[in-house]
Amino acid sequence: SVPVRDPDEYETEQWEVEESIEECAAMLPSVADA
């Protein structure tokens, strides 16, 4: 959940991907390497 100014033009960050995988893997470890 990251605020954006423009719903059409916004940057995306690799940390969001990595953090989502890492945190979800805390519940379901096998997704870390899927």
PDB file of all heavy atoms in Angstrom:
ATOM      1  N   SER A   1       0.860  -1.184   0.000  1.00  0.00           N
ATOM      2  CA  SER A   1       0.000   0.000   0.000  1.00  0.00           C
ATOM      3  C   SER A   1       0.894   1.232   0.000  1.00  0.00           C
ATOM      4  O   SER A   1       1.434   1.624   1.034  1.00  0.00           O
ATOM      5  CB  SER A   1      -0.920   0.009   1.225  1.00  0.00           C
ATOM      6  OG  SER A   1      -1.764   1.145   1.215  1.00  0.00           O
ATOM      7  N   VAL A   2       1.053   1.826  -1.200  1.00  0.00           N
ATOM      8  CA  VAL A   2       1.950   2.966  -1.375  1.00  0.00           C
ATOM      9  C   VAL A   2       1.168   4.098  -2.051  1.00  0.00           C
ATOM     10  O   VAL A   2       0.611   3.900  -3.134  1.00  0.00           O
ATOM     11  CB  VAL A   2       3.168   2.593  -2.241  1.00  0.00           C
ATOM     12  CG1 VAL A   2       4.104   3.784  -2.404  1.00  0.00           C
ATOM     13  CG2 VAL A   2       3.915   1.399  -1.641  1.00  0.00           C
ATOM     14  N   PRO A   3       1.088   5.290  -1.446  1.00  0.00           N
ATOM     15  CA  PRO A   3       0.336   6.385  -2.058  1.00  0.00           C
ATOM     16  C   PRO A   3       0.882   6.755  -3.437  1.00  0.00           C
ATOM     17  O   PRO A   3       2.096   6.717  -3.673  1.00  0.00           O
ATOM     18  CB  PRO A   3       0.527   7.545  -1.071  1.00  0.00           C
ATOM     19  CG  PRO A   3       0.842   6.892   0.227  1.00  0.00           C
ATOM     20  CD  PRO A   3       1.631   5.666  -0.130  1.00  0.00           C
ATOM     21  N   VAL A   4      -0.020   7.077  -4.351  1.00  0.00           N
ATOM     22  CA  VAL A   4       0.361   7.562  -5.676  1.00  0.00           C
ATOM     23  C   VAL A   4      -0.396   8.858  -5.962  1.00  0.00           C
ATOM     24  O   VAL A   4      -1.507   9.058  -5.484  1.00  0.00           O
ATOM     25  CB  VAL A   4       0.069   6.525  -6.787  1.00  0.00           C
ATOM     26  CG1 VAL A   4       0.831   5.242  -6.533  1.00  0.00           C
ATOM     27  CG2 VAL A   4      -1.422   6.234  -6.904  1.00  0.00           C
ATOM     28  N   ARG A   5       0.228   9.727  -6.749  1.00  0.00           N
ATOM     29  CA  ARG A   5      -0.413  10.986  -7.120  1.00  0.00           C
ATOM     30  C   ARG A   5      -1.335  10.818  -8.319  1.00  0.00           C
ATOM     31  O   ARG A   5      -2.379  11.447  -8.416  1.00  0.00           O
ATOM     32  CB  ARG A   5       0.646  12.058  -7.432  1.00  0.00           C
ATOM     33  CG  ARG A   5       1.463  12.490  -6.234  1.00  0.00           C
ATOM     34  CD  ARG A   5       2.468  13.572  -6.633  1.00  0.00           C
ATOM     35  NE  ARG A   5       3.211  14.050  -5.473  1.00  0.00           N
ATOM     36  CZ  ARG A   5       2.805  15.039  -4.680  1.00  0.00           C
ATOM     37  NH1 ARG A   5       1.659  15.644  -4.919  1.00  0.00           N
ATOM     38  NH2 ARG A   5       3.538  15.413  -3.654  1.00  0.00           N
ATOM     39  N   ASP A   6      -0.918   9.978  -9.248  1.00  0.00           N
ATOM     40  CA  ASP A   6      -1.625   9.834 -10.511  1.00  0.00           C
ATOM     41  C   ASP A   6      -1.895   8.347 -10.737  1.00  0.00           C
ATOM     42  O   ASP A   6      -0.950   7.550 -10.811  1.00  0.00           O
ATOM     43  CB  ASP A   6      -0.760  10.390 -11.654  1.00  0.00           C
ATOM     44  CG  ASP A   6      -1.454  10.380 -13.001  1.00  0.00           C
ATOM     45  OD1 ASP A   6      -2.374   9.562 -13.194  1.00  0.00           O
ATOM     46  OD2 ASP A   6      -1.057  11.181 -13.879  1.00  0.00           O
ATOM     47  N   PRO A   7      -3.162   7.932 -10.841  1.00  0.00           N
ATOM     48  CA  PRO A   7      -3.444   6.504 -11.014  1.00  0.00           C
ATOM     49  C   PRO A   7      -3.021   5.950 -12.364  1.00  0.00           C
ATOM     50  O   PRO A   7      -3.034   4.728 -12.559  1.00  0.00           O
ATOM     51  CB  PRO A   7      -4.962   6.430 -10.844  1.00  0.00           C
ATOM     52  CG  PRO A   7      -5.463   7.798 -11.171  1.00  0.00           C
ATOM     53  CD  PRO A   7      -4.386   8.744 -10.727  1.00  0.00           C
ATOM     54  N   ASP A   8      -2.634   6.814 -13.292  1.00  0.00           N
ATOM     55  CA  ASP A   8      -2.129   6.366 -14.585  1.00  0.00           C
ATOM     56  C   ASP A   8      -0.608   6.308 -14.634  1.00  0.00           C
ATOM     57  O   ASP A   8      -0.032   5.441 -15.298  1.00  0.00           O
ATOM     58  CB  ASP A   8      -2.606   7.288 -15.709  1.00  0.00           C
ATOM     59  CG  ASP A   8      -4.051   7.041 -16.070  1.00  0.00           C
ATOM     60  OD1 ASP A   8      -4.433   5.870 -16.178  1.00  0.00           O
ATOM     61  OD2 ASP A   8      -4.805   8.018 -16.233  1.00  0.00           O
ATOM     62  N   GLU A   9       0.043   7.239 -13.947  1.00  0.00           N
ATOM     63  CA  GLU A   9       1.497   7.363 -14.025  1.00  0.00           C
ATOM     64  C   GLU A   9       2.076   7.237 -12.621  1.00  0.00           C
ATOM     65  O   GLU A   9       1.980   8.165 -11.824  1.00  0.00           O
ATOM     66  CB  GLU A   9       1.886   8.717 -14.641  1.00  0.00           C
ATOM     67  CG  GLU A   9       1.381   8.915 -16.066  1.00  0.00           C
ATOM     68  CD  GLU A   9       2.101   8.044 -17.076  1.00  0.00           C
ATOM     69  OE1 GLU A   9       3.215   7.570 -16.769  1.00  0.00           O
ATOM     70  OE2 GLU A   9       1.540   7.823 -18.156  1.00  0.00           O
ATOM     71  N   TYR A  10       2.626   6.090 -12.317  1.00  0.00           N
ATOM     72  CA  TYR A  10       3.229   5.901 -11.000  1.00  0.00           C
ATOM     73  C   TYR A  10       4.391   4.926 -11.124  1.00  0.00           C
ATOM     74  O   TYR A  10       4.395   4.036 -11.965  1.00  0.00           O
ATOM     75  CB  TYR A  10       2.213   5.404  -9.976  1.00  0.00           C
ATOM     76  CG  TYR A  10       1.479   4.146 -10.366  1.00  0.00           C
ATOM     77  CD1 TYR A  10       1.991   2.884 -10.040  1.00  0.00           C
ATOM     78  CD2 TYR A  10       0.269   4.206 -11.048  1.00  0.00           C
ATOM     79  CE1 TYR A  10       1.317   1.728 -10.389  1.00  0.00           C
ATOM     80  CE2 TYR A  10      -0.407   3.050 -11.401  1.00  0.00           C
ATOM     81  CZ  TYR A  10       0.116   1.821 -11.070  1.00  0.00           C
ATOM     82  OH  TYR A  10      -0.552   0.677 -11.421  1.00  0.00           O
ATOM     83  N   GLU A  11       5.375   5.125 -10.278  1.00  0.00           N
ATOM     84  CA  GLU A  11       6.521   4.227 -10.268  1.00  0.00           C
ATOM     85  C   GLU A  11       6.181   2.949  -9.510  1.00  0.00           C
ATOM     86  O   GLU A  11       5.287   2.931  -8.652  1.00  0.00           O
ATOM     87  CB  GLU A  11       7.720   4.918  -9.616  1.00  0.00           C
ATOM     88  CG  GLU A  11       8.249   6.117 -10.398  1.00  0.00           C
ATOM     89  CD  GLU A  11       9.486   6.720  -9.759  1.00  0.00           C
ATOM     90  OE1 GLU A  11       9.873   6.249  -8.666  1.00  0.00           O
ATOM     91  OE2 GLU A  11      10.055   7.643 -10.357  1.00  0.00           O
ATOM     92  N   THR A  12       6.862   1.895  -9.842  1.00  0.00           N
ATOM     93  CA  THR A  12       6.752   0.650  -9.097  1.00  0.00           C
ATOM     94  C   THR A  12       8.141   0.260  -8.623  1.00  0.00           C
ATOM     95  O   THR A  12       9.139   0.601  -9.248  1.00  0.00           O
ATOM     96  CB  THR A  12       6.152  -0.469  -9.967  1.00  0.00           C
ATOM     97  OG1 THR A  12       6.980  -0.674 -11.123  1.00  0.00           O
ATOM     98  CG2 THR A  12       4.740  -0.101 -10.415  1.00  0.00           C
ATOM     99  N   GLU A  13       8.187  -0.446  -7.507  1.00  0.00           N
ATOM    100  CA  GLU A  13       9.467  -0.736  -6.876  1.00  0.00           C
ATOM    101  C   GLU A  13       9.644  -2.246  -6.674  1.00  0.00           C
ATOM    102  O   GLU A  13       8.703  -2.947  -6.276  1.00  0.00           O
ATOM    103  CB  GLU A  13       9.553  -0.037  -5.520  1.00  0.00           C
ATOM    104  CG  GLU A  13       9.442   1.484  -5.576  1.00  0.00           C
ATOM    105  CD  GLU A  13      10.696   2.160  -6.097  1.00  0.00           C
ATOM    106  OE1 GLU A  13      11.724   1.462  -6.248  1.00  0.00           O
ATOM    107  OE2 GLU A  13      10.640   3.375  -6.356  1.00  0.00           O
ATOM    108  N   GLN A  14      10.854  -2.721  -6.903  1.00  0.00           N
ATOM    109  CA  GLN A  14      11.133  -4.141  -6.738  1.00  0.00           C
ATOM    110  C   GLN A  14      10.982  -4.584  -5.287  1.00  0.00           C
ATOM    111  O   GLN A  14      10.629  -5.730  -5.016  1.00  0.00           O
ATOM    112  CB  GLN A  14      12.542  -4.459  -7.247  1.00  0.00           C
ATOM    113  CG  GLN A  14      12.938  -5.923  -7.168  1.00  0.00           C
ATOM    114  CD  GLN A  14      12.045  -6.843  -8.003  1.00  0.00           C
ATOM    115  OE1 GLN A  14      11.454  -6.395  -8.984  1.00  0.00           O
ATOM    116  NE2 GLN A  14      11.948  -8.110  -7.595  1.00  0.00           N
ATOM    117  N   TRP A  15      11.213  -3.654  -4.345  1.00  0.00           N
ATOM    118  CA  TRP A  15      11.062  -4.054  -2.948  1.00  0.00           C
ATOM    119  C   TRP A  15       9.641  -4.512  -2.638  1.00  0.00           C
ATOM    120  O   TRP A  15       9.432  -5.366  -1.756  1.00  0.00           O
ATOM    121  CB  TRP A  15      11.468  -2.930  -1.991  1.00  0.00           C
ATOM    122  CG  TRP A  15      10.545  -1.742  -1.942  1.00  0.00           C
ATOM    123  CD1 TRP A  15      10.711  -0.553  -2.565  1.00  0.00           C
ATOM    124  CD2 TRP A  15       9.305  -1.631  -1.216  1.00  0.00           C
ATOM    125  NE1 TRP A  15       9.658   0.297  -2.287  1.00  0.00           N
ATOM    126  CE2 TRP A  15       8.781  -0.346  -1.457  1.00  0.00           C
ATOM    127  CE3 TRP A  15       8.587  -2.492  -0.385  1.00  0.00           C
ATOM    128  CZ2 TRP A  15       7.580   0.103  -0.909  1.00  0.00           C
ATOM    129  CZ3 TRP A  15       7.379  -2.057   0.169  1.00  0.00           C
ATOM    130  CH2 TRP A  15       6.899  -0.770  -0.085  1.00  0.00           C
ATOM    131  N   GLU A  16       8.660  -3.958  -3.347  1.00  0.00           N
ATOM    132  CA  GLU A  16       7.278  -4.369  -3.119  1.00  0.00           C
ATOM    133  C   GLU A  16       7.080  -5.842  -3.470  1.00  0.00           C
ATOM    134  O   GLU A  16       6.387  -6.578  -2.759  1.00  0.00           O
ATOM    135  CB  GLU A  16       6.327  -3.500  -3.941  1.00  0.00           C
ATOM    136  CG  GLU A  16       6.348  -2.024  -3.571  1.00  0.00           C
ATOM    137  CD  GLU A  16       5.447  -1.212  -4.481  1.00  0.00           C
ATOM    138  OE1 GLU A  16       4.210  -1.290  -4.301  1.00  0.00           O
ATOM    139  OE2 GLU A  16       5.964  -0.514  -5.376  1.00  0.00           O
ATOM    140  N   VAL A  17       7.680  -6.246  -4.578  1.00  0.00           N
ATOM    141  CA  VAL A  17       7.606  -7.646  -4.996  1.00  0.00           C
ATOM    142  C   VAL A  17       8.293  -8.529  -3.960  1.00  0.00           C
ATOM    143  O   VAL A  17       7.742  -9.530  -3.483  1.00  0.00           O
ATOM    144  CB  VAL A  17       8.247  -7.831  -6.383  1.00  0.00           C
ATOM    145  CG1 VAL A  17       8.297  -9.305  -6.768  1.00  0.00           C
ATOM    146  CG2 VAL A  17       7.504  -7.015  -7.435  1.00  0.00           C
ATOM    147  N   GLU A  18       9.514  -8.145  -3.594  1.00  0.00           N
ATOM    148  CA  GLU A  18      10.306  -8.963  -2.672  1.00  0.00           C
ATOM    149  C   GLU A  18       9.644  -9.071  -1.302  1.00  0.00           C
ATOM    150  O   GLU A  18       9.608 -10.148  -0.705  1.00  0.00           O
ATOM    151  CB  GLU A  18      11.709  -8.371  -2.546  1.00  0.00           C
ATOM    152  CG  GLU A  18      12.504  -8.445  -3.856  1.00  0.00           C
ATOM    153  CD  GLU A  18      13.784  -7.628  -3.825  1.00  0.00           C
ATOM    154  OE1 GLU A  18      14.014  -6.949  -2.794  1.00  0.00           O
ATOM    155  OE2 GLU A  18      14.538  -7.660  -4.816  1.00  0.00           O
ATOM    156  N   GLU A  19       9.098  -7.949  -0.828  1.00  0.00           N
ATOM    157  CA  GLU A  19       8.474  -7.969   0.499  1.00  0.00           C
ATOM    158  C   GLU A  19       7.196  -8.800   0.491  1.00  0.00           C
ATOM    159  O   GLU A  19       6.927  -9.543   1.445  1.00  0.00           O
ATOM    160  CB  GLU A  19       8.177  -6.546   0.975  1.00  0.00           C
ATOM    161  CG  GLU A  19       7.594  -6.500   2.373  1.00  0.00           C
ATOM    162  CD  GLU A  19       7.660  -5.121   2.990  1.00  0.00           C
ATOM    163  OE1 GLU A  19       8.736  -4.506   2.936  1.00  0.00           O
ATOM    164  OE2 GLU A  19       6.643  -4.667   3.510  1.00  0.00           O
ATOM    165  N   SER A  20       6.408  -8.689  -0.575  1.00  0.00           N
ATOM    166  CA  SER A  20       5.184  -9.486  -0.651  1.00  0.00           C
ATOM    167  C   SER A  20       5.500 -10.968  -0.650  1.00  0.00           C
ATOM    168  O   SER A  20       4.843 -11.765   0.049  1.00  0.00           O
ATOM    169  CB  SER A  20       4.385  -9.104  -1.904  1.00  0.00           C
ATOM    170  OG  SER A  20       3.845  -7.802  -1.772  1.00  0.00           O
ATOM    171  N   ILE A  21       6.506 -11.370  -1.420  1.00  0.00           N
ATOM    172  CA  ILE A  21       6.884 -12.781  -1.452  1.00  0.00           C
ATOM    173  C   ILE A  21       7.393 -13.229  -0.083  1.00  0.00           C
ATOM    174  O   ILE A  21       6.993 -14.276   0.446  1.00  0.00           O
ATOM    175  CB  ILE A  21       7.947 -13.038  -2.536  1.00  0.00           C
ATOM    176  CG1 ILE A  21       7.354 -12.794  -3.924  1.00  0.00           C
ATOM    177  CG2 ILE A  21       8.503 -14.457  -2.425  1.00  0.00           C
ATOM    178  CD1 ILE A  21       8.371 -12.833  -5.043  1.00  0.00           C
ATOM    179  N   GLU A  22       8.278 -12.430   0.500  1.00  0.00           N
ATOM    180  CA  GLU A  22       8.872 -12.801   1.788  1.00  0.00           C
ATOM    181  C   GLU A  22       7.811 -12.941   2.880  1.00  0.00           C
ATOM    182  O   GLU A  22       7.823 -13.910   3.653  1.00  0.00           O
ATOM    183  CB  GLU A  22       9.906 -11.751   2.194  1.00  0.00           C
ATOM    184  CG  GLU A  22      10.578 -12.037   3.520  1.00  0.00           C
ATOM    185  CD  GLU A  22      11.591 -10.968   3.915  1.00  0.00           C
ATOM    186  OE1 GLU A  22      11.856 -10.063   3.095  1.00  0.00           O
ATOM    187  OE2 GLU A  22      12.107 -11.039   5.041  1.00  0.00           O
ATOM    188  N   GLU A  23       6.903 -11.983   2.947  1.00  0.00           N
ATOM    189  CA  GLU A  23       5.892 -12.007   4.000  1.00  0.00           C
ATOM    190  C   GLU A  23       4.890 -13.139   3.782  1.00  0.00           C
ATOM    191  O   GLU A  23       4.475 -13.799   4.737  1.00  0.00           O
ATOM    192  CB  GLU A  23       5.178 -10.657   4.066  1.00  0.00           C
ATOM    193  CG  GLU A  23       6.041  -9.526   4.589  1.00  0.00           C
ATOM    194  CD  GLU A  23       6.442  -9.730   6.043  1.00  0.00           C
ATOM    195  OE1 GLU A  23       5.629 -10.261   6.821  1.00  0.00           O
ATOM    196  OE2 GLU A  23       7.585  -9.385   6.404  1.00  0.00           O
ATOM    197  N   CYS A  24       4.485 -13.365   2.539  1.00  0.00           N
ATOM    198  CA  CYS A  24       3.561 -14.469   2.267  1.00  0.00           C
ATOM    199  C   CYS A  24       4.237 -15.814   2.534  1.00  0.00           C
ATOM    200  O   CYS A  24       3.593 -16.770   2.994  1.00  0.00           O
ATOM    201  CB  CYS A  24       3.053 -14.400   0.840  1.00  0.00           C
ATOM    202  SG  CYS A  24       1.889 -13.036   0.539  1.00  0.00           S
ATOM    203  N   ALA A  25       5.534 -15.885   2.263  1.00  0.00           N
ATOM    204  CA  ALA A  25       6.285 -17.116   2.518  1.00  0.00           C
ATOM    205  C   ALA A  25       6.387 -17.433   4.003  1.00  0.00           C
ATOM    206  O   ALA A  25       6.635 -18.590   4.370  1.00  0.00           O
ATOM    207  CB  ALA A  25       7.674 -17.026   1.901  1.00  0.00           C
ATOM    208  N   ALA A  26       6.192 -16.430   4.845  1.00  0.00           N
ATOM    209  CA  ALA A  26       6.167 -16.719   6.279  1.00  0.00           C
ATOM    210  C   ALA A  26       5.003 -17.645   6.622  1.00  0.00           C
ATOM    211  O   ALA A  26       5.096 -18.464   7.539  1.00  0.00           O
ATOM    212  CB  ALA A  26       6.065 -15.416   7.082  1.00  0.00           C
ATOM    213  N   MET A  27       3.893 -17.525   5.875  1.00  0.00           N
ATOM    214  CA  MET A  27       2.755 -18.427   6.058  1.00  0.00           C
ATOM    215  C   MET A  27       2.910 -19.699   5.248  1.00  0.00           C
ATOM    216  O   MET A  27       2.571 -20.790   5.706  1.00  0.00           O
ATOM    217  CB  MET A  27       1.451 -17.738   5.624  1.00  0.00           C
ATOM    218  CG  MET A  27       0.916 -16.686   6.546  1.00  0.00           C
ATOM    219  SD  MET A  27      -0.765 -16.191   6.047  1.00  0.00           S
ATOM    220  CE  MET A  27      -0.464 -15.334   4.499  1.00  0.00           C
ATOM    221  N   LEU A  28       3.413 -19.558   4.026  1.00  0.00           N
ATOM    222  CA  LEU A  28       3.460 -20.657   3.062  1.00  0.00           C
ATOM    223  C   LEU A  28       4.864 -20.702   2.471  1.00  0.00           C
ATOM    224  O   LEU A  28       5.125 -20.158   1.399  1.00  0.00           O
ATOM    225  CB  LEU A  28       2.409 -20.406   1.980  1.00  0.00           C
ATOM    226  CG  LEU A  28       2.036 -21.564   1.075  1.00  0.00           C
ATOM    227  CD1 LEU A  28       1.316 -22.665   1.864  1.00  0.00           C
ATOM    228  CD2 LEU A  28       1.145 -21.084  -0.066  1.00  0.00           C
ATOM    229  N   PRO A  29       5.822 -21.320   3.169  1.00  0.00           N
ATOM    230  CA  PRO A  29       7.241 -21.198   2.792  1.00  0.00           C
ATOM    231  C   PRO A  29       7.568 -21.594   1.358  1.00  0.00           C
ATOM    232  O   PRO A  29       8.487 -21.035   0.747  1.00  0.00           O
ATOM    233  CB  PRO A  29       7.935 -22.128   3.796  1.00  0.00           C
ATOM    234  CG  PRO A  29       7.036 -22.131   4.987  1.00  0.00           C
ATOM    235  CD  PRO A  29       5.649 -22.066   4.434  1.00  0.00           C
ATOM    236  N   SER A  30       6.826 -22.517   0.782  1.00  0.00           N
ATOM    237  CA  SER A  30       7.179 -23.002  -0.552  1.00  0.00           C
ATOM    238  C   SER A  30       7.004 -21.948  -1.635  1.00  0.00           C
ATOM    239  O   SER A  30       7.584 -22.083  -2.721  1.00  0.00           O
ATOM    240  CB  SER A  30       6.349 -24.239  -0.901  1.00  0.00           C
ATOM    241  OG  SER A  30       4.974 -23.967  -0.769  1.00  0.00           O
ATOM    242  N   VAL A  31       6.264 -20.869  -1.376  1.00  0.00           N
ATOM    243  CA  VAL A  31       6.112 -19.843  -2.416  1.00  0.00           C
ATOM    244  C   VAL A  31       7.379 -19.016  -2.573  1.00  0.00           C
ATOM    245  O   VAL A  31       7.556 -18.327  -3.582  1.00  0.00           O
ATOM    246  CB  VAL A  31       4.901 -18.917  -2.160  1.00  0.00           C
ATOM    247  CG1 VAL A  31       3.617 -19.715  -2.086  1.00  0.00           C
ATOM    248  CG2 VAL A  31       5.085 -18.042  -0.918  1.00  0.00           C
ATOM    249  N   ALA A  32       8.288 -19.082  -1.594  1.00  0.00           N
ATOM    250  CA  ALA A  32       9.514 -18.279  -1.677  1.00  0.00           C
ATOM    251  C   ALA A  32      10.338 -18.648  -2.892  1.00  0.00           C
ATOM    252  O   ALA A  32      10.986 -17.785  -3.507  1.00  0.00           O
ATOM    253  CB  ALA A  32      10.338 -18.448  -0.405  1.00  0.00           C
ATOM    254  N   ASP A  33      10.326 -19.906  -3.255  1.00  0.00           N
ATOM    255  CA  ASP A  33      11.129 -20.377  -4.381  1.00  0.00           C
ATOM    256  C   ASP A  33      10.278 -20.784  -5.576  1.00  0.00           C
ATOM    257  O   ASP A  33      10.808 -21.329  -6.554  1.00  0.00           O
ATOM    258  CB  ASP A  33      11.984 -21.574  -3.944  1.00  0.00           C
ATOM    259  CG  ASP A  33      12.936 -21.208  -2.819  1.00  0.00           C
ATOM    260  OD1 ASP A  33      13.535 -20.126  -2.889  1.00  0.00           O
ATOM    261  OD2 ASP A  33      13.050 -21.999  -1.868  1.00  0.00           O
ATOM    262  N   ALA A  34       8.991 -20.540  -5.510  1.00  0.00           N
ATOM    263  CA  ALA A  34       8.118 -20.912  -6.624  1.00  0.00           C
ATOM    264  C   ALA A  34       8.378 -19.997  -7.817  1.00  0.00           C
ATOM    265  O   ALA A  34       8.606 -18.793  -7.647  1.00  0.00           O
ATOM    266  CB  ALA A  34       6.661 -20.815  -6.196  1.00  0.00           C
TER     267      ALA A  34
END
